[in-house]
Amino acid sequence: MKLLMIYCNKFAFNPTVKTLEDFEEVTEGKTFENTLVAFIHAEEKDEEDIKGVETKMVKNLKWAAKKNNTRFVVLHSFAHLSDSKANPQFTKELFDRVEARMKNADYDCDQTPFGYFLDLEVQAPGVSQARIFKGF
């Protein structure tokens, strides 16, 4: 698992190209303010222990959100942080499980459309805690 977390004053997306046909059709974009955006790359080895990876991700997201004084987290699939890639269905299940756990812990949590290339708008402040990378 590779996890790049960026705190954003503003984060917006618009779907442009659908790359995986098995996932939900999305035509509308969204905008978020004061949110932690998690750029997530699930690796093949993660498929051996979804619960363990899920728990580590949730702990890291909560920690980074607290450091940036936010209760809002956006999960974004970003399969460009490693050569190894998990199965897309596994990755989507992991995202859904993490989103549910974050919501159960009183965080607002959302996901960017899975299986799309997106136009992104990222406005992030230039402070050290606004950018955190974890690999596990």
N, C-alpha and C. Protein backbone atom coordinates (compact mmCIF):
# COMPACT_ATOMS: atom_id res chain seq x y z
N MET A 1 0.84 -1.17 0.00
CA MET A 1 0.00 0.00 0.00
C MET A 1 0.89 1.23 0.00
N LYS A 2 0.55 2.12 -0.89
CA LYS A 2 1.18 3.44 -0.93
C LYS A 2 0.07 4.46 -0.71
N LEU A 3 0.33 5.38 0.21
CA LEU A 3 -0.68 6.34 0.62
C LEU A 3 -0.06 7.73 0.67
N LEU A 4 -0.45 8.58 -0.27
CA LEU A 4 -0.02 9.97 -0.29
C LEU A 4 -1.20 10.81 0.15
N MET A 5 -1.04 11.50 1.28
CA MET A 5 -2.13 12.30 1.84
C MET A 5 -1.78 13.78 1.69
N ILE A 6 -2.70 14.52 1.09
CA ILE A 6 -2.50 15.95 0.88
C ILE A 6 -3.71 16.69 1.46
N TYR A 7 -3.43 17.57 2.41
CA TYR A 7 -4.50 18.42 2.93
C TYR A 7 -4.74 19.53 1.91
N CYS A 8 -6.01 19.73 1.55
CA CYS A 8 -6.36 20.72 0.53
C CYS A 8 -7.34 21.75 1.07
N ASN A 9 -7.03 23.02 0.80
CA ASN A 9 -8.03 24.06 1.06
C ASN A 9 -9.21 23.85 0.12
N LYS A 10 -8.87 23.40 -1.11
CA LYS A 10 -9.91 23.09 -2.09
C LYS A 10 -9.43 21.92 -2.94
N PHE A 11 -10.33 20.97 -3.18
CA PHE A 11 -10.07 19.84 -4.06
C PHE A 11 -11.32 19.63 -4.90
N ALA A 12 -11.14 19.56 -6.21
CA ALA A 12 -12.29 19.36 -7.10
C ALA A 12 -11.91 18.36 -8.19
N PHE A 13 -12.92 17.65 -8.68
CA PHE A 13 -12.69 16.71 -9.78
C PHE A 13 -13.85 16.75 -10.76
N ASN A 14 -13.53 16.41 -12.00
CA ASN A 14 -14.53 16.18 -13.04
C ASN A 14 -14.11 14.93 -13.80
N PRO A 15 -15.02 13.96 -13.96
CA PRO A 15 -14.67 12.75 -14.71
C PRO A 15 -14.46 13.09 -16.19
N THR A 16 -13.41 12.48 -16.78
CA THR A 16 -13.14 12.74 -18.20
C THR A 16 -13.20 11.46 -19.03
N VAL A 17 -12.44 10.43 -18.65
CA VAL A 17 -12.38 9.19 -19.42
C VAL A 17 -12.60 8.00 -18.49
N LYS A 18 -13.60 7.19 -18.81
CA LYS A 18 -13.83 5.97 -18.04
C LYS A 18 -12.86 4.90 -18.53
N THR A 19 -12.10 4.32 -17.60
CA THR A 19 -11.08 3.35 -17.97
C THR A 19 -11.43 1.92 -17.56
N LEU A 20 -12.36 1.76 -16.63
CA LEU A 20 -12.78 0.43 -16.17
C LEU A 20 -14.29 0.32 -16.30
N GLU A 21 -14.76 -0.51 -17.20
CA GLU A 21 -16.18 -0.61 -17.51
C GLU A 21 -17.03 -1.22 -16.39
N ASP A 22 -16.43 -1.98 -15.49
CA ASP A 22 -17.19 -2.69 -14.46
C ASP A 22 -17.70 -1.80 -13.33
N PHE A 23 -17.37 -0.51 -13.36
CA PHE A 23 -17.72 0.35 -12.24
C PHE A 23 -18.76 1.39 -12.63
N GLU A 24 -19.35 2.00 -11.62
CA GLU A 24 -20.46 2.93 -11.76
C GLU A 24 -20.17 4.05 -12.77
N GLU A 25 -21.19 4.40 -13.53
CA GLU A 25 -21.11 5.50 -14.48
C GLU A 25 -21.27 6.82 -13.72
N VAL A 26 -20.35 7.76 -13.92
CA VAL A 26 -20.39 9.05 -13.23
C VAL A 26 -20.17 10.14 -14.27
N THR A 27 -21.02 11.16 -14.24
CA THR A 27 -20.86 12.26 -15.19
C THR A 27 -20.63 13.61 -14.51
N GLU A 28 -20.94 13.70 -13.24
CA GLU A 28 -20.82 14.97 -12.51
C GLU A 28 -19.57 14.99 -11.64
N GLY A 29 -18.96 16.15 -11.53
CA GLY A 29 -17.83 16.35 -10.65
C GLY A 29 -18.28 16.83 -9.28
N LYS A 30 -17.32 17.04 -8.39
CA LYS A 30 -17.60 17.54 -7.04
C LYS A 30 -16.46 18.45 -6.61
N THR A 31 -16.76 19.30 -5.64
CA THR A 31 -15.77 20.17 -5.04
C THR A 31 -15.83 20.00 -3.53
N PHE A 32 -14.66 19.95 -2.90
CA PHE A 32 -14.55 19.81 -1.45
C PHE A 32 -13.66 20.92 -0.91
N GLU A 33 -13.93 21.36 0.30
CA GLU A 33 -13.08 22.36 0.95
C GLU A 33 -12.59 21.82 2.28
N ASN A 34 -11.38 22.24 2.64
CA ASN A 34 -10.77 21.84 3.92
C ASN A 34 -10.85 20.34 4.13
N THR A 35 -10.22 19.61 3.24
CA THR A 35 -10.30 18.15 3.25
C THR A 35 -8.93 17.52 3.11
N LEU A 36 -8.79 16.35 3.66
CA LEU A 36 -7.61 15.53 3.46
C LEU A 36 -7.90 14.62 2.27
N VAL A 37 -7.08 14.70 1.23
CA VAL A 37 -7.25 13.85 0.06
C VAL A 37 -6.20 12.76 0.12
N ALA A 38 -6.67 11.52 0.06
CA ALA A 38 -5.77 10.36 0.11
C ALA A 38 -5.61 9.80 -1.29
N PHE A 39 -4.41 9.93 -1.85
CA PHE A 39 -4.07 9.34 -3.14
C PHE A 39 -3.56 7.93 -2.82
N ILE A 40 -4.34 6.92 -3.19
CA ILE A 40 -4.13 5.55 -2.71
C ILE A 40 -3.75 4.62 -3.86
N HIS A 41 -2.68 3.86 -3.63
CA HIS A 41 -2.25 2.84 -4.58
C HIS A 41 -2.21 1.50 -3.84
N ALA A 42 -3.20 0.65 -4.10
CA ALA A 42 -3.21 -0.70 -3.52
C ALA A 42 -2.33 -1.60 -4.38
N GLU A 43 -1.48 -2.37 -3.70
CA GLU A 43 -0.54 -3.25 -4.39
C GLU A 43 -1.03 -4.70 -4.31
N GLU A 44 -0.48 -5.53 -5.18
CA GLU A 44 -0.88 -6.94 -5.24
C GLU A 44 -0.73 -7.63 -3.88
N LYS A 45 0.34 -7.35 -3.15
CA LYS A 45 0.57 -8.00 -1.85
C LYS A 45 -0.52 -7.64 -0.83
N ASP A 46 -1.20 -6.52 -1.03
CA ASP A 46 -2.27 -6.10 -0.11
C ASP A 46 -3.45 -7.06 -0.14
N GLU A 47 -3.63 -7.77 -1.24
CA GLU A 47 -4.75 -8.69 -1.38
C GLU A 47 -4.66 -9.85 -0.39
N GLU A 48 -3.49 -10.09 0.19
CA GLU A 48 -3.31 -11.16 1.16
C GLU A 48 -3.91 -10.84 2.53
N ASP A 49 -4.14 -9.54 2.82
CA ASP A 49 -4.60 -9.14 4.15
C ASP A 49 -5.42 -7.86 4.08
N ILE A 50 -6.63 -7.93 3.52
CA ILE A 50 -7.45 -6.73 3.36
C ILE A 50 -7.75 -6.06 4.71
N LYS A 51 -8.02 -6.86 5.74
CA LYS A 51 -8.34 -6.29 7.04
C LYS A 51 -7.16 -5.52 7.62
N GLY A 52 -5.96 -6.08 7.52
CA GLY A 52 -4.76 -5.42 8.03
C GLY A 52 -4.47 -4.12 7.29
N VAL A 53 -4.58 -4.15 5.97
CA VAL A 53 -4.34 -2.95 5.17
C VAL A 53 -5.40 -1.90 5.48
N GLU A 54 -6.64 -2.33 5.59
CA GLU A 54 -7.74 -1.42 5.93
C GLU A 54 -7.47 -0.73 7.26
N THR A 55 -7.08 -1.49 8.27
CA THR A 55 -6.84 -0.92 9.60
C THR A 55 -5.69 0.09 9.56
N LYS A 56 -4.60 -0.24 8.88
CA LYS A 56 -3.47 0.69 8.78
C LYS A 56 -3.87 1.96 8.05
N MET A 57 -4.65 1.81 6.99
CA MET A 57 -5.06 2.99 6.24
C MET A 57 -5.94 3.90 7.09
N VAL A 58 -6.91 3.32 7.78
CA VAL A 58 -7.80 4.11 8.62
C VAL A 58 -7.01 4.85 9.70
N LYS A 59 -6.07 4.18 10.35
CA LYS A 59 -5.25 4.83 11.39
C LYS A 59 -4.47 6.00 10.81
N ASN A 60 -3.86 5.80 9.65
CA ASN A 60 -3.08 6.86 9.02
C ASN A 60 -3.97 8.04 8.59
N LEU A 61 -5.15 7.75 8.05
CA LEU A 61 -6.06 8.81 7.64
C LEU A 61 -6.54 9.63 8.83
N LYS A 62 -6.89 8.95 9.91
CA LYS A 62 -7.34 9.67 11.11
C LYS A 62 -6.22 10.55 11.66
N TRP A 63 -5.00 10.02 11.70
CA TRP A 63 -3.86 10.76 12.23
C TRP A 63 -3.60 12.00 11.38
N ALA A 64 -3.57 11.84 10.05
CA ALA A 64 -3.29 12.97 9.16
C ALA A 64 -4.42 14.00 9.19
N ALA A 65 -5.66 13.54 9.27
CA ALA A 65 -6.79 14.46 9.36
C ALA A 65 -6.70 15.29 10.64
N LYS A 66 -6.38 14.64 11.74
CA LYS A 66 -6.23 15.34 13.02
C LYS A 66 -5.10 16.38 12.94
N LYS A 67 -3.97 15.99 12.34
CA LYS A 67 -2.84 16.92 12.19
C LYS A 67 -3.23 18.16 11.39
N ASN A 68 -4.19 18.01 10.49
CA ASN A 68 -4.61 19.12 9.63
C ASN A 68 -5.96 19.71 10.05
N ASN A 69 -6.42 19.32 11.23
CA ASN A 69 -7.63 19.89 11.82
C ASN A 69 -8.85 19.81 10.89
N THR A 70 -9.07 18.60 10.35
CA THR A 70 -10.24 18.38 9.50
C THR A 70 -10.90 17.06 9.87
N ARG A 71 -12.17 16.96 9.59
CA ARG A 71 -12.92 15.72 9.78
C ARG A 71 -13.42 15.19 8.43
N PHE A 72 -12.89 15.75 7.34
CA PHE A 72 -13.34 15.34 6.02
C PHE A 72 -12.18 14.70 5.25
N VAL A 73 -12.45 13.53 4.67
CA VAL A 73 -11.44 12.76 3.93
C VAL A 73 -12.02 12.33 2.59
N VAL A 74 -11.24 12.48 1.53
CA VAL A 74 -11.61 12.01 0.20
C VAL A 74 -10.64 10.92 -0.20
N LEU A 75 -11.16 9.77 -0.63
CA LEU A 75 -10.35 8.65 -1.09
C LEU A 75 -10.26 8.70 -2.61
N HIS A 76 -9.02 8.69 -3.12
CA HIS A 76 -8.80 8.80 -4.57
C HIS A 76 -7.85 7.70 -5.03
N SER A 77 -8.30 6.88 -5.96
CA SER A 77 -7.45 5.83 -6.51
C SER A 77 -6.38 6.47 -7.39
N PHE A 78 -5.12 6.17 -7.06
CA PHE A 78 -4.00 6.78 -7.77
C PHE A 78 -2.96 5.70 -8.00
N ALA A 79 -3.17 4.90 -9.03
CA ALA A 79 -2.34 3.71 -9.27
C ALA A 79 -1.05 4.06 -9.99
N HIS A 80 -0.32 5.05 -9.46
CA HIS A 80 0.91 5.52 -10.10
C HIS A 80 2.06 5.61 -9.10
N LEU A 81 1.93 4.98 -7.95
CA LEU A 81 2.95 5.10 -6.91
C LEU A 81 3.81 3.85 -6.78
N SER A 82 3.51 2.81 -7.55
CA SER A 82 4.25 1.56 -7.48
C SER A 82 4.03 0.79 -8.79
N ASP A 83 4.94 -0.13 -9.07
CA ASP A 83 4.78 -0.98 -10.26
C ASP A 83 3.77 -2.10 -10.03
N SER A 84 3.57 -2.49 -8.79
CA SER A 84 2.64 -3.56 -8.44
C SER A 84 1.24 -2.99 -8.27
N LYS A 85 0.26 -3.65 -8.85
CA LYS A 85 -1.12 -3.17 -8.73
C LYS A 85 -2.04 -4.30 -8.25
N ALA A 86 -2.92 -3.95 -7.31
CA ALA A 86 -3.95 -4.89 -6.86
C ALA A 86 -5.06 -4.95 -7.91
N ASN A 87 -5.85 -6.00 -7.85
CA ASN A 87 -7.02 -6.17 -8.69
C ASN A 87 -7.97 -4.99 -8.44
N PRO A 88 -8.56 -4.39 -9.48
CA PRO A 88 -9.47 -3.25 -9.28
C PRO A 88 -10.65 -3.55 -8.36
N GLN A 89 -11.21 -4.76 -8.43
CA GLN A 89 -12.33 -5.10 -7.54
C GLN A 89 -11.88 -5.12 -6.08
N PHE A 90 -10.68 -5.64 -5.82
CA PHE A 90 -10.13 -5.63 -4.46
C PHE A 90 -9.97 -4.18 -3.98
N THR A 91 -9.40 -3.34 -4.84
CA THR A 91 -9.15 -1.96 -4.46
C THR A 91 -10.45 -1.23 -4.14
N LYS A 92 -11.46 -1.42 -4.96
CA LYS A 92 -12.75 -0.76 -4.71
C LYS A 92 -13.37 -1.27 -3.41
N GLU A 93 -13.28 -2.57 -3.15
CA GLU A 93 -13.79 -3.11 -1.89
C GLU A 93 -13.05 -2.49 -0.71
N LEU A 94 -11.74 -2.35 -0.81
CA LEU A 94 -10.95 -1.73 0.25
C LEU A 94 -11.41 -0.30 0.48
N PHE A 95 -11.61 0.46 -0.58
CA PHE A 95 -12.08 1.84 -0.46
C PHE A 95 -13.44 1.89 0.26
N ASP A 96 -14.34 1.01 -0.13
CA ASP A 96 -15.68 0.99 0.48
C ASP A 96 -15.59 0.67 1.97
N ARG A 97 -14.74 -0.27 2.33
CA ARG A 97 -14.56 -0.65 3.73
C ARG A 97 -13.95 0.50 4.54
N VAL A 98 -12.95 1.16 3.97
CA VAL A 98 -12.32 2.29 4.66
C VAL A 98 -13.32 3.43 4.82
N GLU A 99 -14.07 3.72 3.77
CA GLU A 99 -15.08 4.79 3.87
C GLU A 99 -16.08 4.49 4.98
N ALA A 100 -16.56 3.27 5.06
CA ALA A 100 -17.53 2.90 6.11
C ALA A 100 -16.92 3.06 7.50
N ARG A 101 -15.68 2.63 7.68
CA ARG A 101 -15.03 2.77 8.99
C ARG A 101 -14.80 4.23 9.36
N MET A 102 -14.44 5.04 8.40
CA MET A 102 -14.24 6.47 8.68
C MET A 102 -15.57 7.11 9.09
N LYS A 103 -16.63 6.78 8.39
CA LYS A 103 -17.94 7.33 8.75
C LYS A 103 -18.38 6.84 10.13
N ASN A 104 -18.11 5.59 10.46
CA ASN A 104 -18.44 5.05 11.79
C ASN A 104 -17.66 5.75 12.89
N ALA A 105 -16.53 6.36 12.54
CA ALA A 105 -15.71 7.09 13.51
C ALA A 105 -16.01 8.60 13.47
N ASP A 106 -17.15 8.96 12.90
CA ASP A 106 -17.61 10.35 12.83
C ASP A 106 -16.77 11.26 11.93
N TYR A 107 -16.20 10.69 10.89
CA TYR A 107 -15.55 11.49 9.85
C TYR A 107 -16.49 11.55 8.66
N ASP A 108 -16.46 12.65 7.94
CA ASP A 108 -17.12 12.72 6.65
C ASP A 108 -16.13 12.12 5.65
N CYS A 109 -16.59 11.22 4.82
CA CYS A 109 -15.69 10.54 3.89
C CYS A 109 -16.40 10.35 2.56
N ASP A 110 -15.67 10.56 1.49
CA ASP A 110 -16.22 10.40 0.14
C ASP A 110 -15.13 9.78 -0.73
N GLN A 111 -15.51 9.39 -1.94
CA GLN A 111 -14.58 8.82 -2.89
C GLN A 111 -14.72 9.53 -4.23
N THR A 112 -13.61 9.64 -4.93
CA THR A 112 -13.69 10.08 -6.33
C THR A 112 -14.19 8.88 -7.14
N PRO A 113 -14.74 9.11 -8.33
CA PRO A 113 -15.24 7.99 -9.14
C PRO A 113 -14.13 6.99 -9.43
N PHE A 114 -14.43 5.72 -9.20
CA PHE A 114 -13.44 4.67 -9.39
C PHE A 114 -13.45 4.23 -10.85
N GLY A 115 -12.26 4.10 -11.42
CA GLY A 115 -12.14 3.63 -12.80
C GLY A 115 -12.22 4.75 -13.82
N TYR A 116 -11.85 5.95 -13.42
CA TYR A 116 -11.89 7.12 -14.31
C TYR A 116 -10.56 7.87 -14.26
N PHE A 117 -10.22 8.50 -15.38
CA PHE A 117 -9.27 9.59 -15.36
C PHE A 117 -10.09 10.83 -15.06
N LEU A 118 -9.55 11.69 -14.22
CA LEU A 118 -10.28 12.86 -13.75
C LEU A 118 -9.47 14.13 -13.99
N ASP A 119 -10.17 15.20 -14.31
CA ASP A 119 -9.55 16.52 -14.21
C ASP A 119 -9.56 16.86 -12.73
N LEU A 120 -8.40 17.25 -12.19
CA LEU A 120 -8.29 17.57 -10.78
C LEU A 120 -7.90 19.02 -10.57
N GLU A 121 -8.45 19.59 -9.51
CA GLU A 121 -8.02 20.90 -9.04
C GLU A 121 -7.59 20.71 -7.60
N VAL A 122 -6.33 21.04 -7.31
CA VAL A 122 -5.77 20.84 -5.98
C VAL A 122 -5.19 22.16 -5.50
N GLN A 123 -5.72 22.68 -4.40
CA GLN A 123 -5.16 23.86 -3.76
C GLN A 123 -4.74 23.44 -2.36
N ALA A 124 -3.42 23.34 -2.17
CA ALA A 124 -2.89 22.86 -0.89
C ALA A 124 -1.95 23.90 -0.31
N PRO A 125 -2.05 24.14 1.00
CA PRO A 125 -1.17 25.13 1.62
C PRO A 125 0.27 24.60 1.72
N GLY A 126 1.20 25.51 1.77
CA GLY A 126 2.60 25.15 1.85
C GLY A 126 3.09 24.97 3.29
N VAL A 127 2.52 23.99 3.96
CA VAL A 127 2.95 23.66 5.32
C VAL A 127 3.32 22.19 5.38
N SER A 128 4.20 21.84 6.31
CA SER A 128 4.76 20.48 6.32
C SER A 128 3.73 19.38 6.51
N GLN A 129 2.74 19.56 7.35
CA GLN A 129 1.75 18.51 7.61
C GLN A 129 0.72 18.36 6.50
N ALA A 130 0.78 19.24 5.49
CA ALA A 130 -0.20 19.17 4.40
C ALA A 130 0.13 18.06 3.40
N ARG A 131 1.36 17.50 3.49
CA ARG A 131 1.76 16.45 2.56
C ARG A 131 2.46 15.34 3.33
N ILE A 132 1.84 14.17 3.34
CA ILE A 132 2.38 13.05 4.10
C ILE A 132 2.33 11.80 3.24
N PHE A 133 3.44 11.05 3.18
CA PHE A 133 3.49 9.81 2.42
C PHE A 133 3.74 8.64 3.37
N LYS A 134 2.99 7.56 3.18
CA LYS A 134 3.19 6.33 3.95
C LYS A 134 3.17 5.14 3.00
N GLY A 135 4.07 4.24 3.21
CA GLY A 135 4.07 2.97 2.49
C GLY A 135 4.03 1.86 3.52
N PHE A 136 3.14 0.91 3.35
CA PHE A 136 3.07 -0.23 4.29
C PHE A 136 2.61 -1.46 3.58
